[in-house]
């Protein structure tokens, strides 16, 4: 079984990245939709901020609806879907986050990217490309599917 992180803005479009991955996978898959946030440097922000509660409000009902459809259509192969937030400024702490969540692979779309949710969002693509974990650009799955050629 593979655990795959999908950097996400929690829009229904981000579920399409996961759909391409699950459809193409030959293994059972667990999905972790993740958004990356900076941690405040100012002690006042750290003490009085409730940012960790507000992020869950950014996960829309449309996103969850699309996740339920994805799970229903891929029941035997797709084992679980969950949301996790990364808060940090250092690559080492991001690697610890990946280890703690037992992430085997990161699936993303170069074309779609990862839109920011707030001013504290990190630019996710440069960070995930430096993480040292296998990456899967789902745009290449779609291209090979449309062209009828072998999988990249």
C-alpha atoms as a PDB file:
ATOM      1  CA  UNK A   1       0.000   0.000   0.000  1.00  0.00           C
ATOM      2  CA  UNK A   2       1.224   3.486  -0.888  1.00  0.00           C
ATOM      3  CA  UNK A   3       0.562   6.685   1.013  1.00  0.00           C
ATOM      4  CA  UNK A   4       0.541   9.613  -1.385  1.00  0.00           C
ATOM      5  CA  UNK A   5       0.570  13.287  -0.488  1.00  0.00           C
ATOM      6  CA  UNK A   6      -1.310  15.622  -2.826  1.00  0.00           C
ATOM      7  CA  UNK A   7      -0.412  19.297  -2.291  1.00  0.00           C
ATOM      8  CA  UNK A   8      -3.795  20.959  -2.428  1.00  0.00           C
ATOM      9  CA  UNK A   9      -5.808  24.137  -2.179  1.00  0.00           C
ATOM     10  CA  UNK A  10      -8.832  21.956  -1.293  1.00  0.00           C
ATOM     11  CA  UNK A  11     -10.716  22.827  -4.439  1.00  0.00           C
ATOM     12  CA  UNK A  12     -12.632  20.225  -6.453  1.00  0.00           C
ATOM     13  CA  UNK A  13      -9.977  20.636  -9.171  1.00  0.00           C
ATOM     14  CA  UNK A  14      -7.284  19.352  -6.825  1.00  0.00           C
ATOM     15  CA  UNK A  15      -9.234  16.096  -6.465  1.00  0.00           C
ATOM     16  CA  UNK A  16      -8.674  15.529 -10.202  1.00  0.00           C
ATOM     17  CA  UNK A  17      -4.953  15.153  -9.486  1.00  0.00           C
ATOM     18  CA  UNK A  18      -5.749  12.368  -7.039  1.00  0.00           C
ATOM     19  CA  UNK A  19      -8.221  10.802  -9.462  1.00  0.00           C
ATOM     20  CA  UNK A  20      -5.530  10.463 -12.151  1.00  0.00           C
ATOM     21  CA  UNK A  21      -3.153   8.938  -9.622  1.00  0.00           C
ATOM     22  CA  UNK A  22      -5.656   6.418  -8.246  1.00  0.00           C
ATOM     23  CA  UNK A  23      -6.859   5.428 -11.711  1.00  0.00           C
ATOM     24  CA  UNK A  24      -3.252   4.796 -12.816  1.00  0.00           C
ATOM     25  CA  UNK A  25      -2.119   2.987  -9.656  1.00  0.00           C
ATOM     26  CA  UNK A  26      -1.682  -0.770  -9.500  1.00  0.00           C
ATOM     27  CA  UNK A  27      -1.478  -0.698  -5.681  1.00  0.00           C
ATOM     28  CA  UNK A  28      -3.837   0.229  -2.890  1.00  0.00           C
ATOM     29  CA  UNK A  29      -3.554   3.937  -2.094  1.00  0.00           C
ATOM     30  CA  UNK A  30      -4.043   6.204   0.907  1.00  0.00           C
ATOM     31  CA  UNK A  31      -4.327   9.915   0.055  1.00  0.00           C
ATOM     32  CA  UNK A  32      -3.238  12.825   2.218  1.00  0.00           C
ATOM     33  CA  UNK A  33      -4.308  16.202   0.837  1.00  0.00           C
ATOM     34  CA  UNK A  34      -1.926  18.777   2.281  1.00  0.00           C
ATOM     35  CA  UNK A  35      -1.452  22.521   2.259  1.00  0.00           C
ATOM     36  CA  UNK A  36       1.801  24.129   3.393  1.00  0.00           C
ATOM     37  CA  UNK A  37       1.844  27.194   5.653  1.00  0.00           C
ATOM     38  CA  UNK A  38       4.607  29.443   7.024  1.00  0.00           C
ATOM     39  CA  UNK A  39       5.011  29.555  10.754  1.00  0.00           C
ATOM     40  CA  UNK A  40       4.930  33.065  12.161  1.00  0.00           C
ATOM     41  CA  UNK A  41       8.299  34.407  13.318  1.00  0.00           C
ATOM     42  CA  UNK A  42       6.837  36.990  15.671  1.00  0.00           C
ATOM     43  CA  UNK A  43       6.250  35.815  19.237  1.00  0.00           C
ATOM     44  CA  UNK A  44       2.984  37.821  19.418  1.00  0.00           C
ATOM     45  CA  UNK A  45       1.626  35.960  16.384  1.00  0.00           C
ATOM     46  CA  UNK A  46       2.633  32.621  17.857  1.00  0.00           C
ATOM     47  CA  UNK A  47       1.025  33.309  21.225  1.00  0.00           C
ATOM     48  CA  UNK A  48      -2.231  34.862  20.081  1.00  0.00           C
ATOM     49  CA  UNK A  49      -2.900  33.289  16.701  1.00  0.00           C
ATOM     50  CA  UNK A  50      -5.485  30.588  16.177  1.00  0.00           C
ATOM     51  CA  UNK A  51      -4.368  29.905  12.600  1.00  0.00           C
ATOM     52  CA  UNK A  52      -4.422  26.144  13.074  1.00  0.00           C
ATOM     53  CA  UNK A  53      -8.173  26.211  13.627  1.00  0.00           C
ATOM     54  CA  UNK A  54      -8.955  28.557  10.749  1.00  0.00           C
ATOM     55  CA  UNK A  55      -7.335  26.401   8.076  1.00  0.00           C
ATOM     56  CA  UNK A  56      -9.973  23.697   8.448  1.00  0.00           C
ATOM     57  CA  UNK A  57     -12.573  26.286   7.448  1.00  0.00           C
ATOM     58  CA  UNK A  58     -10.758  26.563   4.091  1.00  0.00           C
ATOM     59  CA  UNK A  59     -11.642  22.969   3.193  1.00  0.00           C
ATOM     60  CA  UNK A  60     -14.859  23.375   1.228  1.00  0.00           C
ATOM     61  CA  UNK A  61     -17.875  21.106   1.179  1.00  0.00           C
ATOM     62  CA  UNK A  62     -17.413  20.831  -2.619  1.00  0.00           C
ATOM     63  CA  UNK A  63     -13.953  19.391  -1.983  1.00  0.00           C
ATOM     64  CA  UNK A  64     -15.332  16.789   0.452  1.00  0.00           C
ATOM     65  CA  UNK A  65     -18.141  15.921  -1.983  1.00  0.00           C
ATOM     66  CA  UNK A  66     -15.581  15.267  -4.747  1.00  0.00           C
ATOM     67  CA  UNK A  67     -13.545  13.151  -2.307  1.00  0.00           C
ATOM     68  CA  UNK A  68     -16.602  11.034  -1.483  1.00  0.00           C
ATOM     69  CA  UNK A  69     -17.244  10.489  -5.208  1.00  0.00           C
ATOM     70  CA  UNK A  70     -13.588   9.560  -5.754  1.00  0.00           C
ATOM     71  CA  UNK A  71     -13.672   7.095  -2.864  1.00  0.00           C
ATOM     72  CA  UNK A  72     -16.970   5.597  -4.014  1.00  0.00           C
ATOM     73  CA  UNK A  73     -15.722   5.036  -7.560  1.00  0.00           C
ATOM     74  CA  UNK A  74     -12.414   3.522  -6.407  1.00  0.00           C
ATOM     75  CA  UNK A  75     -13.507   1.679  -3.257  1.00  0.00           C
ATOM     76  CA  UNK A  76     -11.292  -1.392  -3.340  1.00  0.00           C
ATOM     77  CA  UNK A  77      -8.154   0.480  -4.382  1.00  0.00           C
ATOM     78  CA  UNK A  78      -8.542   3.769  -2.485  1.00  0.00           C
ATOM     79  CA  UNK A  79      -8.261   2.967   1.211  1.00  0.00           C
ATOM     80  CA  UNK A  80      -8.471   6.418   2.820  1.00  0.00           C
ATOM     81  CA  UNK A  81      -8.553  10.147   2.225  1.00  0.00           C
ATOM     82  CA  UNK A  82      -7.521  12.692   4.810  1.00  0.00           C
ATOM     83  CA  UNK A  83      -6.448  16.302   5.155  1.00  0.00           C
ATOM     84  CA  UNK A  84      -3.259  17.428   6.896  1.00  0.00           C
ATOM     85  CA  UNK A  85      -1.616  20.817   7.229  1.00  0.00           C
ATOM     86  CA  UNK A  86       2.113  21.458   7.329  1.00  0.00           C
ATOM     87  CA  UNK A  87       3.283  24.448   9.339  1.00  0.00           C
ATOM     88  CA  UNK A  88       6.939  25.328   8.991  1.00  0.00           C
ATOM     89  CA  UNK A  89       9.733  27.206   7.293  1.00  0.00           C
ATOM     90  CA  UNK A  90      12.468  24.593   7.026  1.00  0.00           C
ATOM     91  CA  UNK A  91      12.998  21.709   4.632  1.00  0.00           C
ATOM     92  CA  UNK A  92      14.129  19.453   7.506  1.00  0.00           C
ATOM     93  CA  UNK A  93      10.820  19.933   9.321  1.00  0.00           C
ATOM     94  CA  UNK A  94       8.924  19.233   6.081  1.00  0.00           C
ATOM     95  CA  UNK A  95      10.836  15.953   5.746  1.00  0.00           C
ATOM     96  CA  UNK A  96       9.840  15.117   9.327  1.00  0.00           C
ATOM     97  CA  UNK A  97       6.208  15.858   8.403  1.00  0.00           C
ATOM     98  CA  UNK A  98       6.494  13.454   5.456  1.00  0.00           C
ATOM     99  CA  UNK A  99       8.006  10.764   7.691  1.00  0.00           C
ATOM    100  CA  UNK A 100       5.354  11.237  10.385  1.00  0.00           C
ATOM    101  CA  UNK A 101       2.609  10.824   7.779  1.00  0.00           C
ATOM    102  CA  UNK A 102       4.409   7.839   6.185  1.00  0.00           C
ATOM    103  CA  UNK A 103       4.376   9.503   2.753  1.00  0.00           C
ATOM    104  CA  UNK A 104       5.810   7.286  -0.004  1.00  0.00           C
ATOM    105  CA  UNK A 105       5.230   9.620  -2.950  1.00  0.00           C
ATOM    106  CA  UNK A 106       4.022  13.136  -3.764  1.00  0.00           C
ATOM    107  CA  UNK A 107       1.555  13.586  -6.630  1.00  0.00           C
ATOM    108  CA  UNK A 108       1.115  17.007  -8.151  1.00  0.00           C
ATOM    109  CA  UNK A 109       0.188  18.796 -11.362  1.00  0.00           C
ATOM    110  CA  UNK A 110       2.779  21.112 -12.841  1.00  0.00           C
ATOM    111  CA  UNK A 111       0.054  22.764 -14.930  1.00  0.00           C
ATOM    112  CA  UNK A 112      -2.393  23.289 -12.061  1.00  0.00           C
ATOM    113  CA  UNK A 113       0.197  24.096  -9.396  1.00  0.00           C
ATOM    114  CA  UNK A 114      -0.955  24.712  -5.847  1.00  0.00           C
ATOM    115  CA  UNK A 115      -2.837  27.990  -5.445  1.00  0.00           C
ATOM    116  CA  UNK A 116      -2.316  29.727  -2.124  1.00  0.00           C
ATOM    117  CA  UNK A 117      -5.107  29.779   0.438  1.00  0.00           C
ATOM    118  CA  UNK A 118      -3.883  32.729   2.467  1.00  0.00           C
ATOM    119  CA  UNK A 119      -0.980  35.109   2.890  1.00  0.00           C
ATOM    120  CA  UNK A 120       0.722  32.535   5.108  1.00  0.00           C
ATOM    121  CA  UNK A 121       0.672  29.809   2.424  1.00  0.00           C
ATOM    122  CA  UNK A 122       4.020  28.519   1.183  1.00  0.00           C
ATOM    123  CA  UNK A 123       4.811  28.129  -2.501  1.00  0.00           C
ATOM    124  CA  UNK A 124       4.482  24.333  -2.384  1.00  0.00           C
ATOM    125  CA  UNK A 125       6.040  23.154  -5.662  1.00  0.00           C
ATOM    126  CA  UNK A 126       9.624  24.287  -4.955  1.00  0.00           C
ATOM    127  CA  UNK A 127       9.447  22.749  -1.476  1.00  0.00           C
ATOM    128  CA  UNK A 128       8.127  19.361  -2.593  1.00  0.00           C
ATOM    129  CA  UNK A 129      10.697  19.158  -5.383  1.00  0.00           C
ATOM    130  CA  UNK A 130      13.488  19.462  -2.778  1.00  0.00           C
ATOM    131  CA  UNK A 131      11.989  16.935  -0.341  1.00  0.00           C
ATOM    132  CA  UNK A 132      13.882  13.923  -1.676  1.00  0.00           C
ATOM    133  CA  UNK A 133      10.732  11.837  -2.081  1.00  0.00           C
ATOM    134  CA  UNK A 134       9.543  10.327  -5.383  1.00  0.00           C
ATOM    135  CA  UNK A 135       7.373  12.762  -7.319  1.00  0.00           C
ATOM    136  CA  UNK A 136       4.609  11.988  -9.765  1.00  0.00           C
ATOM    137  CA  UNK A 137       3.468  14.705 -12.140  1.00  0.00           C
ATOM    138  CA  UNK A 138      -0.085  13.634 -12.962  1.00  0.00           C
ATOM    139  CA  UNK A 139      -0.019  15.781 -16.107  1.00  0.00           C
ATOM    140  CA  UNK A 140       2.208  13.065 -17.600  1.00  0.00           C
ATOM    141  CA  UNK A 141      -0.352  10.361 -16.736  1.00  0.00           C
ATOM    142  CA  UNK A 142      -3.029  12.304 -18.583  1.00  0.00           C
ATOM    143  CA  UNK A 143      -0.753  12.864 -21.604  1.00  0.00           C
ATOM    144  CA  UNK A 144       0.156   9.169 -21.861  1.00  0.00           C
ATOM    145  CA  UNK A 145      -3.493   8.188 -21.440  1.00  0.00           C
ATOM    146  CA  UNK A 146      -4.581  10.488 -24.248  1.00  0.00           C
ATOM    147  CA  UNK A 147      -1.755   9.511 -26.582  1.00  0.00           C
ATOM    148  CA  UNK A 148      -2.145   5.793 -25.924  1.00  0.00           C
ATOM    149  CA  UNK A 149       1.561   5.470 -25.248  1.00  0.00           C
ATOM    150  CA  UNK A 150       3.188   3.708 -22.317  1.00  0.00           C
ATOM    151  CA  UNK A 151       3.111   5.213 -18.864  1.00  0.00           C
ATOM    152  CA  UNK A 152       5.909   7.649 -18.011  1.00  0.00           C
END
